[in-house]
Amino acid sequence: MSRDSPITLDTQVEILKAIADPVRLDLLKRIAAVPEMACTDLVEQSHVAKSTVSYHMKSLRIAGLIEVRKEGRNFHYTFRPDAMKHLMSVLGEIGPQ
Protein backbone atom coordinates (compact mmCIF):
# COMPACT_ATOMS: atom_id res chain seq x y z
CA MET A 1 0.00 0.00 0.00
CA SER A 2 1.54 3.30 -1.04
CA ARG A 3 1.03 6.46 0.98
CA ASP A 4 -1.11 8.08 -1.71
CA SER A 5 -3.28 5.14 -2.74
CA PRO A 6 -6.80 4.84 -1.34
CA ILE A 7 -7.25 2.14 1.27
CA THR A 8 -9.28 -0.71 -0.21
CA LEU A 9 -11.61 -3.07 1.60
CA ASP A 10 -8.98 -5.82 1.24
CA THR A 11 -6.37 -3.56 2.82
CA GLN A 12 -8.72 -2.72 5.67
CA VAL A 13 -9.17 -6.44 6.29
CA GLU A 14 -5.37 -6.98 6.21
CA ILE A 15 -4.91 -4.23 8.79
CA LEU A 16 -7.56 -5.72 11.06
CA LYS A 17 -6.02 -9.19 10.73
CA ALA A 18 -2.58 -7.78 11.48
CA ILE A 19 -3.63 -6.02 14.67
CA ALA A 20 -5.85 -8.90 15.81
CA ASP A 21 -2.80 -10.96 16.79
CA PRO A 22 -1.64 -10.11 20.34
CA VAL A 23 2.07 -10.41 19.52
CA ARG A 24 1.75 -8.18 16.43
CA LEU A 25 -0.33 -5.63 18.32
CA ASP A 26 2.31 -5.49 21.06
CA LEU A 27 5.12 -5.09 18.52
CA LEU A 28 3.18 -2.38 16.67
CA LYS A 29 2.57 -0.45 19.90
CA ARG A 30 6.29 -0.59 20.70
CA ILE A 31 7.21 0.68 17.24
CA ALA A 32 4.55 3.42 17.32
CA ALA A 33 5.89 4.72 20.64
CA VAL A 34 9.20 5.84 19.08
CA PRO A 35 10.24 7.52 15.83
CA GLU A 36 12.11 4.39 14.66
CA MET A 37 13.00 1.05 16.23
CA ALA A 38 15.80 -1.33 15.32
CA CYS A 39 14.90 -5.00 15.05
CA THR A 40 17.47 -5.85 17.72
CA ASP A 41 15.82 -3.44 20.16
CA LEU A 42 12.40 -4.84 19.35
CA VAL A 43 13.60 -8.40 20.00
CA GLU A 44 15.20 -7.34 23.29
CA GLN A 45 12.18 -5.35 24.54
CA SER A 46 9.50 -7.82 23.49
CA HIS A 47 11.31 -10.97 24.63
CA VAL A 48 10.27 -12.64 21.36
CA ALA A 49 12.71 -14.57 19.17
CA LYS A 50 14.17 -12.71 16.19
CA SER A 51 12.59 -15.17 13.75
CA THR A 52 9.19 -14.56 15.37
CA VAL A 53 9.63 -10.79 15.17
CA SER A 54 10.58 -11.08 11.49
CA TYR A 55 7.51 -13.21 10.80
CA HIS A 56 5.18 -10.68 12.42
CA MET A 57 6.89 -7.67 10.86
CA LYS A 58 6.10 -9.10 7.42
CA SER A 59 2.37 -9.09 8.24
CA LEU A 60 2.53 -5.53 9.58
CA ARG A 61 4.46 -4.39 6.50
CA ILE A 62 2.01 -6.06 4.09
CA ALA A 63 -0.87 -4.38 5.94
CA GLY A 64 0.88 -1.04 5.41
CA LEU A 65 1.24 -0.33 9.14
CA ILE A 66 5.03 -0.10 9.18
CA GLU A 67 7.88 0.86 6.90
CA VAL A 68 11.13 -1.06 6.94
CA ARG A 69 14.54 0.47 6.35
CA LYS A 70 17.60 -1.72 5.95
CA GLU A 71 20.97 -0.38 7.05
CA GLY A 72 23.72 -2.91 6.51
CA ARG A 73 22.51 -6.09 8.17
CA ASN A 74 20.09 -4.25 10.45
CA PHE A 75 16.41 -3.55 9.92
CA HIS A 76 14.68 -0.47 11.33
CA TYR A 77 10.91 -0.14 11.65
CA THR A 78 8.75 2.97 11.51
CA PHE A 79 5.02 3.19 12.27
CA ARG A 80 2.76 4.52 9.50
CA PRO A 81 -0.04 6.36 11.31
CA ASP A 82 -1.77 7.29 8.04
CA ALA A 83 -2.96 3.71 7.50
CA MET A 84 -4.36 3.47 11.03
CA LYS A 85 -6.00 6.90 10.85
CA HIS A 86 -7.79 5.98 7.64
CA LEU A 87 -8.96 2.68 9.11
CA MET A 88 -10.29 4.49 12.19
CA SER A 89 -12.17 6.87 9.92
CA VAL A 90 -13.73 3.96 8.04
CA LEU A 91 -14.66 2.19 11.29
CA GLY A 92 -16.25 5.41 12.55
CA GLU A 93 -18.66 5.25 9.60
CA ILE A 94 -20.09 1.92 10.80
CA GLY A 95 -23.40 2.16 12.59
CA PRO A 96 -26.09 4.82 12.82
CA GLN A 97 -25.05 8.23 11.60
PDB file of N, CA and C in Angstrom:
ATOM      1  N   MET A   1       0.852  -1.185   0.000  1.00  0.00           N
ATOM      2  CA  MET A   1       0.000   0.000   0.000  1.00  0.00           C
ATOM      3  C   MET A   1       0.888   1.234   0.000  1.00  0.00           C
ATOM      4  N   SER A   2       0.758   2.073  -1.008  1.00  0.00           N
ATOM      5  CA  SER A   2       1.545   3.298  -1.035  1.00  0.00           C
ATOM      6  C   SER A   2       0.839   4.368  -0.212  1.00  0.00           C
ATOM      7  N   ARG A   3       1.580   5.390   0.136  1.00  0.00           N
ATOM      8  CA  ARG A   3       1.027   6.458   0.976  1.00  0.00           C
ATOM      9  C   ARG A   3      -0.138   7.178   0.315  1.00  0.00           C
ATOM     10  N   ASP A   4      -0.105   7.288  -1.015  1.00  0.00           N
ATOM     11  CA  ASP A   4      -1.113   8.082  -1.708  1.00  0.00           C
ATOM     12  C   ASP A   4      -2.292   7.270  -2.223  1.00  0.00           C
ATOM     13  N   SER A   5      -2.190   5.948  -2.200  1.00  0.00           N
ATOM     14  CA  SER A   5      -3.279   5.139  -2.739  1.00  0.00           C
ATOM     15  C   SER A   5      -4.423   5.046  -1.741  1.00  0.00           C
ATOM     16  N   PRO A   6      -5.665   4.972  -2.258  1.00  0.00           N
ATOM     17  CA  PRO A   6      -6.802   4.837  -1.336  1.00  0.00           C
ATOM     18  C   PRO A   6      -6.762   3.467  -0.672  1.00  0.00           C
ATOM     19  N   ILE A   7      -7.246   3.405   0.542  1.00  0.00           N
ATOM     20  CA  ILE A   7      -7.253   2.145   1.275  1.00  0.00           C
ATOM     21  C   ILE A   7      -8.462   1.333   0.826  1.00  0.00           C
ATOM     22  N   THR A   8      -8.214   0.152   0.314  1.00  0.00           N
ATOM     23  CA  THR A   8      -9.277  -0.709  -0.208  1.00  0.00           C
ATOM     24  C   THR A   8      -9.863  -1.538   0.930  1.00  0.00           C
ATOM     25  N   LEU A   9     -10.983  -2.173   0.625  1.00  0.00           N
ATOM     26  CA  LEU A   9     -11.609  -3.066   1.597  1.00  0.00           C
ATOM     27  C   LEU A   9     -10.647  -4.200   1.959  1.00  0.00           C
ATOM     28  N   ASP A  10      -9.951  -4.746   0.966  1.00  0.00           N
ATOM     29  CA  ASP A  10      -8.979  -5.819   1.236  1.00  0.00           C
ATOM     30  C   ASP A  10      -7.866  -5.335   2.163  1.00  0.00           C
ATOM     31  N   THR A  11      -7.410  -4.115   1.953  1.00  0.00           N
ATOM     32  CA  THR A  11      -6.366  -3.563   2.816  1.00  0.00           C
ATOM     33  C   THR A  11      -6.886  -3.357   4.229  1.00  0.00           C
ATOM     34  N   GLN A  12      -8.121  -2.898   4.348  1.00  0.00           N
ATOM     35  CA  GLN A  12      -8.715  -2.724   5.670  1.00  0.00           C
ATOM     36  C   GLN A  12      -8.758  -4.055   6.407  1.00  0.00           C
ATOM     37  N   VAL A  13      -9.122  -5.106   5.693  1.00  0.00           N
ATOM     38  CA  VAL A  13      -9.166  -6.444   6.293  1.00  0.00           C
ATOM     39  C   VAL A  13      -7.768  -6.883   6.701  1.00  0.00           C
ATOM     40  N   GLU A  14      -6.753  -6.619   5.869  1.00  0.00           N
ATOM     41  CA  GLU A  14      -5.375  -6.981   6.208  1.00  0.00           C
ATOM     42  C   GLU A  14      -4.909  -6.250   7.467  1.00  0.00           C
ATOM     43  N   ILE A  15      -5.282  -4.996   7.600  1.00  0.00           N
ATOM     44  CA  ILE A  15      -4.910  -4.229   8.795  1.00  0.00           C
ATOM     45  C   ILE A  15      -5.571  -4.838  10.030  1.00  0.00           C
ATOM     46  N   LEU A  16      -6.856  -5.133   9.913  1.00  0.00           N
ATOM     47  CA  LEU A  16      -7.564  -5.716  11.057  1.00  0.00           C
ATOM     48  C   LEU A  16      -6.981  -7.074  11.440  1.00  0.00           C
ATOM     49  N   LYS A  17      -6.649  -7.897  10.448  1.00  0.00           N
ATOM     50  CA  LYS A  17      -6.021  -9.187  10.734  1.00  0.00           C
ATOM     51  C   LYS A  17      -4.671  -8.989  11.416  1.00  0.00           C
ATOM     52  N   ALA A  18      -3.913  -8.021  10.927  1.00  0.00           N
ATOM     53  CA  ALA A  18      -2.579  -7.778  11.479  1.00  0.00           C
ATOM     54  C   ALA A  18      -2.642  -7.363  12.942  1.00  0.00           C
ATOM     55  N   ILE A  19      -3.572  -6.497  13.286  1.00  0.00           N
ATOM     56  CA  ILE A  19      -3.626  -6.017  14.673  1.00  0.00           C
ATOM     57  C   ILE A  19      -4.434  -6.927  15.580  1.00  0.00           C
ATOM     58  N   ALA A  20      -5.072  -7.961  14.999  1.00  0.00           N
ATOM     59  CA  ALA A  20      -5.849  -8.903  15.815  1.00  0.00           C
ATOM     60  C   ALA A  20      -4.959  -9.889  16.568  1.00  0.00           C
ATOM     61  N   ASP A  21      -3.728 -10.057  16.126  1.00  0.00           N
ATOM     62  CA  ASP A  21      -2.805 -10.963  16.790  1.00  0.00           C
ATOM     63  C   ASP A  21      -2.151 -10.231  17.971  1.00  0.00           C
ATOM     64  N   PRO A  22      -2.182 -10.806  19.174  1.00  0.00           N
ATOM     65  CA  PRO A  22      -1.641 -10.107  20.343  1.00  0.00           C
ATOM     66  C   PRO A  22      -0.155  -9.792  20.247  1.00  0.00           C
ATOM     67  N   VAL A  23       0.624 -10.670  19.653  1.00  0.00           N
ATOM     68  CA  VAL A  23       2.067 -10.406  19.521  1.00  0.00           C
ATOM     69  C   VAL A  23       2.281  -9.251  18.553  1.00  0.00           C
ATOM     70  N   ARG A  24       1.597  -9.266  17.409  1.00  0.00           N
ATOM     71  CA  ARG A  24       1.747  -8.179  16.434  1.00  0.00           C
ATOM     72  C   ARG A  24       1.271  -6.856  17.000  1.00  0.00           C
ATOM     73  N   LEU A  25       0.172  -6.873  17.735  1.00  0.00           N
ATOM     74  CA  LEU A  25      -0.327  -5.633  18.323  1.00  0.00           C
ATOM     75  C   LEU A  25       0.690  -5.071  19.314  1.00  0.00           C
ATOM     76  N   ASP A  26       1.283  -5.931  20.115  1.00  0.00           N
ATOM     77  CA  ASP A  26       2.312  -5.487  21.059  1.00  0.00           C
ATOM     78  C   ASP A  26       3.515  -4.903  20.321  1.00  0.00           C
ATOM     79  N   LEU A  27       3.975  -5.579  19.289  1.00  0.00           N
ATOM     80  CA  LEU A  27       5.116  -5.090  18.515  1.00  0.00           C
ATOM     81  C   LEU A  27       4.790  -3.755  17.863  1.00  0.00           C
ATOM     82  N   LEU A  28       3.583  -3.628  17.309  1.00  0.00           N
ATOM     83  CA  LEU A  28       3.180  -2.381  16.668  1.00  0.00           C
ATOM     84  C   LEU A  28       3.134  -1.233  17.671  1.00  0.00           C
ATOM     85  N   LYS A  29       2.616  -1.491  18.860  1.00  0.00           N
ATOM     86  CA  LYS A  29       2.572  -0.452  19.898  1.00  0.00           C
ATOM     87  C   LYS A  29       3.977  -0.003  20.271  1.00  0.00           C
ATOM     88  N   ARG A  30       4.901  -0.936  20.368  1.00  0.00           N
ATOM     89  CA  ARG A  30       6.286  -0.592  20.705  1.00  0.00           C
ATOM     90  C   ARG A  30       6.912   0.277  19.609  1.00  0.00           C
ATOM     91  N   ILE A  31       6.663  -0.088  18.357  1.00  0.00           N
ATOM     92  CA  ILE A  31       7.210   0.680  17.240  1.00  0.00           C
ATOM     93  C   ILE A  31       6.571   2.063  17.180  1.00  0.00           C
ATOM     94  N   ALA A  32       5.262   2.139  17.404  1.00  0.00           N
ATOM     95  CA  ALA A  32       4.546   3.416  17.323  1.00  0.00           C
ATOM     96  C   ALA A  32       4.955   4.389  18.424  1.00  0.00           C
ATOM     97  N   ALA A  33       5.523   3.876  19.506  1.00  0.00           N
ATOM     98  CA  ALA A  33       5.893   4.722  20.644  1.00  0.00           C
ATOM     99  C   ALA A  33       7.187   5.511  20.410  1.00  0.00           C
ATOM    100  N   VAL A  34       7.917   5.169  19.362  1.00  0.00           N
ATOM    101  CA  VAL A  34       9.199   5.836  19.081  1.00  0.00           C
ATOM    102  C   VAL A  34       9.261   6.209  17.602  1.00  0.00           C
ATOM    103  N   PRO A  35      10.138   7.147  17.241  1.00  0.00           N
ATOM    104  CA  PRO A  35      10.237   7.523  15.827  1.00  0.00           C
ATOM    105  C   PRO A  35      10.683   6.361  14.927  1.00  0.00           C
ATOM    106  N   GLU A  36      11.611   5.540  15.417  1.00  0.00           N
ATOM    107  CA  GLU A  36      12.107   4.390  14.659  1.00  0.00           C
ATOM    108  C   GLU A  36      12.665   3.377  15.644  1.00  0.00           C
ATOM    109  N   MET A  37      12.497   2.081  15.329  1.00  0.00           N
ATOM    110  CA  MET A  37      13.004   1.054  16.233  1.00  0.00           C
ATOM    111  C   MET A  37      13.786   0.013  15.448  1.00  0.00           C
ATOM    112  N   ALA A  38      14.974  -0.294  15.928  1.00  0.00           N
ATOM    113  CA  ALA A  38      15.802  -1.330  15.322  1.00  0.00           C
ATOM    114  C   ALA A  38      15.237  -2.696  15.694  1.00  0.00           C
ATOM    115  N   CYS A  39      15.387  -3.641  14.803  1.00  0.00           N
ATOM    116  CA  CYS A  39      14.898  -4.998  15.051  1.00  0.00           C
ATOM    117  C   CYS A  39      15.523  -5.569  16.324  1.00  0.00           C
ATOM    118  N   THR A  40      16.803  -5.319  16.521  1.00  0.00           N
ATOM    119  CA  THR A  40      17.473  -5.852  17.717  1.00  0.00           C
ATOM    120  C   THR A  40      16.853  -5.302  18.995  1.00  0.00           C
ATOM    121  N   ASP A  41      16.478  -4.035  18.993  1.00  0.00           N
ATOM    122  CA  ASP A  41      15.821  -3.445  20.165  1.00  0.00           C
ATOM    123  C   ASP A  41      14.435  -4.038  20.367  1.00  0.00           C
ATOM    124  N   LEU A  42      13.741  -4.265  19.273  1.00  0.00           N
ATOM    125  CA  LEU A  42      12.399  -4.843  19.349  1.00  0.00           C
ATOM    126  C   LEU A  42      12.453  -6.256  19.919  1.00  0.00           C
ATOM    127  N   VAL A  43      13.426  -7.036  19.485  1.00  0.00           N
ATOM    128  CA  VAL A  43      13.602  -8.396  20.002  1.00  0.00           C
ATOM    129  C   VAL A  43      13.897  -8.349  21.496  1.00  0.00           C
ATOM    130  N   GLU A  44      14.799  -7.452  21.883  1.00  0.00           N
ATOM    131  CA  GLU A  44      15.195  -7.337  23.291  1.00  0.00           C
ATOM    132  C   GLU A  44      14.030  -6.887  24.178  1.00  0.00           C
ATOM    133  N   GLN A  45      13.285  -5.894  23.737  1.00  0.00           N
ATOM    134  CA  GLN A  45      12.185  -5.350  24.544  1.00  0.00           C
ATOM    135  C   GLN A  45      10.988  -6.285  24.622  1.00  0.00           C
ATOM    136  N   SER A  46      10.712  -6.995  23.544  1.00  0.00           N
ATOM    137  CA  SER A  46       9.505  -7.818  23.495  1.00  0.00           C
ATOM    138  C   SER A  46       9.715  -9.232  24.010  1.00  0.00           C
ATOM    139  N   HIS A  47      10.977  -9.621  24.160  1.00  0.00           N
ATOM    140  CA  HIS A  47      11.311 -10.974  24.629  1.00  0.00           C
ATOM    141  C   HIS A  47      10.730 -12.033  23.692  1.00  0.00           C
ATOM    142  N   VAL A  48      10.731 -11.720  22.395  1.00  0.00           N
ATOM    143  CA  VAL A  48      10.267 -12.635  21.365  1.00  0.00           C
ATOM    144  C   VAL A  48      11.477 -12.949  20.482  1.00  0.00           C
ATOM    145  N   ALA A  49      11.577 -14.172  20.010  1.00  0.00           N
ATOM    146  CA  ALA A  49      12.708 -14.574  19.169  1.00  0.00           C
ATOM    147  C   ALA A  49      12.774 -13.727  17.897  1.00  0.00           C
ATOM    148  N   LYS A  50      13.984 -13.523  17.394  1.00  0.00           N
ATOM    149  CA  LYS A  50      14.170 -12.709  16.194  1.00  0.00           C
ATOM    150  C   LYS A  50      13.373 -13.262  15.018  1.00  0.00           C
ATOM    151  N   SER A  51      13.345 -14.572  14.860  1.00  0.00           N
ATOM    152  CA  SER A  51      12.589 -15.167  13.752  1.00  0.00           C
ATOM    153  C   SER A  51      11.092 -14.879  13.892  1.00  0.00           C
ATOM    154  N   THR A  52      10.604 -14.868  15.127  1.00  0.00           N
ATOM    155  CA  THR A  52       9.190 -14.560  15.373  1.00  0.00           C
ATOM    156  C   THR A  52       8.893 -13.099  15.065  1.00  0.00           C
ATOM    157  N   VAL A  53       9.795 -12.217  15.475  1.00  0.00           N
ATOM    158  CA  VAL A  53       9.628 -10.794  15.167  1.00  0.00           C
ATOM    159  C   VAL A  53       9.600 -10.597  13.655  1.00  0.00           C
ATOM    160  N   SER A  54      10.530 -11.212  12.950  1.00  0.00           N
ATOM    161  CA  SER A  54      10.579 -11.080  11.489  1.00  0.00           C
ATOM    162  C   SER A  54       9.281 -11.559  10.843  1.00  0.00           C
ATOM    163  N   TYR A  55       8.768 -12.669  11.317  1.00  0.00           N
ATOM    164  CA  TYR A  55       7.507 -13.214  10.797  1.00  0.00           C
ATOM    165  C   TYR A  55       6.370 -12.209  10.971  1.00  0.00           C
ATOM    166  N   HIS A  56       6.265 -11.626  12.146  1.00  0.00           N
ATOM    167  CA  HIS A  56       5.177 -10.684  12.422  1.00  0.00           C
ATOM    168  C   HIS A  56       5.384  -9.345  11.720  1.00  0.00           C
ATOM    169  N   MET A  57       6.625  -8.926  11.555  1.00  0.00           N
ATOM    170  CA  MET A  57       6.889  -7.667  10.857  1.00  0.00           C
ATOM    171  C   MET A  57       6.447  -7.749   9.405  1.00  0.00           C
ATOM    172  N   LYS A  58       6.553  -8.932   8.802  1.00  0.00           N
ATOM    173  CA  LYS A  58       6.102  -9.102   7.418  1.00  0.00           C
ATOM    174  C   LYS A  58       4.596  -8.824   7.316  1.00  0.00           C
ATOM    175  N   SER A  59       3.817  -9.335   8.250  1.00  0.00           N
ATOM    176  CA  SER A  59       2.366  -9.089   8.242  1.00  0.00           C
ATOM    177  C   SER A  59       2.051  -7.614   8.435  1.00  0.00           C
ATOM    178  N   LEU A  60       2.765  -6.958   9.338  1.00  0.00           N
ATOM    179  CA  LEU A  60       2.530  -5.531   9.577  1.00  0.00           C
ATOM    180  C   LEU A  60       2.939  -4.696   8.364  1.00  0.00           C
ATOM    181  N   ARG A  61       4.009  -5.107   7.695  1.00  0.00           N
ATOM    182  CA  ARG A  61       4.456  -4.388   6.501  1.00  0.00           C
ATOM    183  C   ARG A  61       3.460  -4.568   5.363  1.00  0.00           C
ATOM    184  N   ILE A  62       2.986  -5.789   5.145  1.00  0.00           N
ATOM    185  CA  ILE A  62       2.010  -6.060   4.085  1.00  0.00           C
ATOM    186  C   ILE A  62       0.720  -5.278   4.331  1.00  0.00           C
ATOM    187  N   ALA A  63       0.331  -5.145   5.587  1.00  0.00           N
ATOM    188  CA  ALA A  63      -0.874  -4.385   5.937  1.00  0.00           C
ATOM    189  C   ALA A  63      -0.654  -2.881   5.814  1.00  0.00           C
ATOM    190  N   GLY A  64       0.583  -2.463   5.582  1.00  0.00           N
ATOM    191  CA  GLY A  64       0.883  -1.040   5.413  1.00  0.00           C
ATOM    192  C   GLY A  64       1.015  -0.275   6.715  1.00  0.00           C
ATOM    193  N   LEU A  65       1.166  -0.985   7.830  1.00  0.00           N
ATOM    194  CA  LEU A  65       1.239  -0.329   9.142  1.00  0.00           C
ATOM    195  C   LEU A  65       2.648   0.108   9.530  1.00  0.00           C
ATOM    196  N   ILE A  66       3.650  -0.478   8.887  1.00  0.00           N
ATOM    197  CA  ILE A  66       5.026  -0.099   9.176  1.00  0.00           C
ATOM    198  C   ILE A  66       5.805   0.042   7.880  1.00  0.00           C
ATOM    199  N   GLU A  67       6.890   0.792   7.972  1.00  0.00           N
ATOM    200  CA  GLU A  67       7.878   0.859   6.902  1.00  0.00           C
ATOM    201  C   GLU A  67       9.146   0.225   7.437  1.00  0.00           C
ATOM    202  N   VAL A  68       9.900  -0.393   6.550  1.00  0.00           N
ATOM    203  CA  VAL A  68      11.133  -1.057   6.938  1.00  0.00           C
ATOM    204  C   VAL A  68      12.289  -0.411   6.192  1.00  0.00           C
ATOM    205  N   ARG A  69      13.327  -0.098   6.942  1.00  0.00           N
ATOM    206  CA  ARG A  69      14.540   0.468   6.350  1.00  0.00           C
ATOM    207  C   ARG A  69      15.691  -0.459   6.716  1.00  0.00           C
ATOM    208  N   LYS A  70      16.460  -0.849   5.703  1.00  0.00           N
ATOM    209  CA  LYS A  70      17.599  -1.723   5.954  1.00  0.00           C
ATOM    210  C   LYS A  70      18.874  -0.892   5.938  1.00  0.00           C
ATOM    211  N   GLU A  71      19.680  -1.073   6.959  1.00  0.00           N
ATOM    212  CA  GLU A  71      20.965  -0.385   7.050  1.00  0.00           C
ATOM    213  C   GLU A  71      22.014  -1.445   7.356  1.00  0.00           C
ATOM    214  N   GLY A  72      22.781  -1.810   6.344  1.00  0.00           N
ATOM    215  CA  GLY A  72      23.724  -2.914   6.511  1.00  0.00           C
ATOM    216  C   GLY A  72      22.955  -4.205   6.724  1.00  0.00           C
ATOM    217  N   ARG A  73      23.226  -4.853   7.843  1.00  0.00           N
ATOM    218  CA  ARG A  73      22.514  -6.092   8.170  1.00  0.00           C
ATOM    219  C   ARG A  73      21.347  -5.854   9.128  1.00  0.00           C
ATOM    220  N   ASN A  74      21.115  -4.596   9.463  1.00  0.00           N
ATOM    221  CA  ASN A  74      20.094  -4.252  10.450  1.00  0.00           C
ATOM    222  C   ASN A  74      18.832  -3.703   9.784  1.00  0.00           C
ATOM    223  N   PHE A  75      17.698  -4.063  10.376  1.00  0.00           N
ATOM    224  CA  PHE A  75      16.407  -3.547   9.919  1.00  0.00           C
ATOM    225  C   PHE A  75      15.877  -2.565  10.955  1.00  0.00           C
ATOM    226  N   HIS A  76      15.262  -1.494  10.470  1.00  0.00           N
ATOM    227  CA  HIS A  76      14.681  -0.471  11.329  1.00  0.00           C
ATOM    228  C   HIS A  76      13.222  -0.284  10.914  1.00  0.00           C
ATOM    229  N   TYR A  77      12.341  -0.217  11.902  1.00  0.00           N
ATOM    230  CA  TYR A  77      10.908  -0.140  11.651  1.00  0.00           C
ATOM    231  C   TYR A  77      10.355   1.210  12.069  1.00  0.00           C
ATOM    232  N   THR A  78       9.425   1.706  11.247  1.00  0.00           N
ATOM    233  CA  THR A  78       8.755   2.971  11.512  1.00  0.00           C
ATOM    234  C   THR A  78       7.256   2.754  11.358  1.00  0.00           C
ATOM    235  N   PHE A  79       6.486   3.269  12.308  1.00  0.00           N
ATOM    236  CA  PHE A  79       5.022   3.189  12.271  1.00  0.00           C
ATOM    237  C   PHE A  79       4.482   4.133  11.212  1.00  0.00           C
ATOM    238  N   ARG A  80       3.441   3.695  10.497  1.00  0.00           N
ATOM    239  CA  ARG A  80       2.761   4.523   9.498  1.00  0.00           C
ATOM    240  C   ARG A  80       1.373   4.889  10.024  1.00  0.00           C
ATOM    241  N   PRO A  81       1.245   5.998  10.717  1.00  0.00           N
ATOM    242  CA  PRO A  81      -0.044   6.355  11.309  1.00  0.00           C
ATOM    243  C   PRO A  81      -1.128   6.645  10.282  1.00  0.00           C
ATOM    244  N   ASP A  82      -0.759   6.985   9.052  1.00  0.00           N
ATOM    245  CA  ASP A  82      -1.769   7.294   8.043  1.00  0.00           C
ATOM    246  C   ASP A  82      -2.684   6.104   7.764  1.00  0.00           C
ATOM    247  N   ALA A  83      -2.139   4.900   7.736  1.00  0.00           N
ATOM    248  CA  ALA A  83      -2.962   3.706   7.501  1.00  0.00           C
ATOM    249  C   ALA A  83      -3.950   3.500   8.646  1.00  0.00           C
ATOM    250  N   MET A  84      -3.496   3.668   9.860  1.00  0.00           N
ATOM    251  CA  MET A  84      -4.356   3.468  11.032  1.00  0.00           C
ATOM    252  C   MET A  84      -5.414   4.572  11.114  1.00  0.00           C
ATOM    253  N   LYS A  85      -5.031   5.798  10.807  1.00  0.00           N
ATOM    254  CA  LYS A  85      -5.998   6.903  10.845  1.00  0.00           C
ATOM    255  C   LYS A  85      -7.120   6.679   9.842  1.00  0.00           C
ATOM    256  N   HIS A  86      -6.759   6.223   8.652  1.00  0.00           N
ATOM    257  CA  HIS A  86      -7.789   5.985   7.640  1.00  0.00           C
ATOM    258  C   HIS A  86      -8.710   4.856   8.083  1.00  0.00           C
ATOM    259  N   LEU A  87      -8.135   3.800   8.639  1.00  0.00           N
ATOM    260  CA  LEU A  87      -8.956   2.681   9.110  1.00  0.00           C
ATOM    261  C   LEU A  87      -9.905   3.157  10.205  1.00  0.00           C
ATOM    262  N   MET A  88      -9.433   3.977  11.122  1.00  0.00           N
ATOM    263  CA  MET A  88     -10.288   4.488  12.191  1.00  0.00           C
ATOM    264  C   MET A  88     -11.423   5.327  11.618  1.00  0.00           C
ATOM    265  N   SER A  89     -11.135   6.078  10.576  1.00  0.00           N
ATOM    266  CA  SER A  89     -12.171   6.873   9.922  1.00  0.00           C
ATOM    267  C   SER A  89     -13.245   5.965   9.309  1.00  0.00           C
ATOM    268  N   VAL A  90     -12.795   4.902   8.655  1.00  0.00           N
ATOM    269  CA  VAL A  90     -13.733   3.962   8.040  1.00  0.00           C
ATOM    270  C   VAL A  90     -14.564   3.265   9.127  1.00  0.00           C
ATOM    271  N   LEU A  91     -13.934   2.858  10.204  1.00  0.00           N
ATOM    272  CA  LEU A  91     -14.662   2.194  11.290  1.00  0.00           C
ATOM    273  C   LEU A  91     -15.669   3.129  11.941  1.00  0.00           C
ATOM    274  N   GLY A  92     -15.346   4.426  11.978  1.00  0.00           N
ATOM    275  CA  GLY A  92     -16.251   5.407  12.548  1.00  0.00           C
ATOM    276  C   GLY A  92     -17.523   5.578  11.729  1.00  0.00           C
ATOM    277  N   GLU A  93     -17.495   5.142  10.469  1.00  0.00           N
ATOM    278  CA  GLU A  93     -18.663   5.247   9.602  1.00  0.00           C
ATOM    279  C   GLU A  93     -19.635   4.095   9.811  1.00  0.00           C
ATOM    280  N   ILE A  94     -19.230   3.077  10.566  1.00  0.00           N
ATOM    281  CA  ILE A  94     -20.089   1.920  10.800  1.00  0.00           C
ATOM    282  C   ILE A  94     -21.119   2.270  11.864  1.00  0.00           C
ATOM    283  N   GLY A  95     -22.352   1.913  11.614  1.00  0.00           N
ATOM    284  CA  GLY A  95     -23.405   2.162  12.594  1.00  0.00           C
ATOM    285  C   GLY A  95     -24.255   3.347  12.214  1.00  0.00           C
ATOM    286  N   PRO A  96     -25.192   3.696  13.093  1.00  0.00           N
ATOM    287  CA  PRO A  96     -26.089   4.819  12.821  1.00  0.00           C
ATOM    288  C   PRO A  96     -25.309   6.122  12.718  1.00  0.00           C
ATOM    289  N   GLN A  97     -25.723   6.941  11.803  1.00  0.00           N
ATOM    290  CA  GLN A  97     -25.047   8.227  11.600  1.00  0.00           C
ATOM    291  C   GLN A  97     -25.793   9.335  12.292  1.00  0.00           C
TER     292      GLN A  97
END
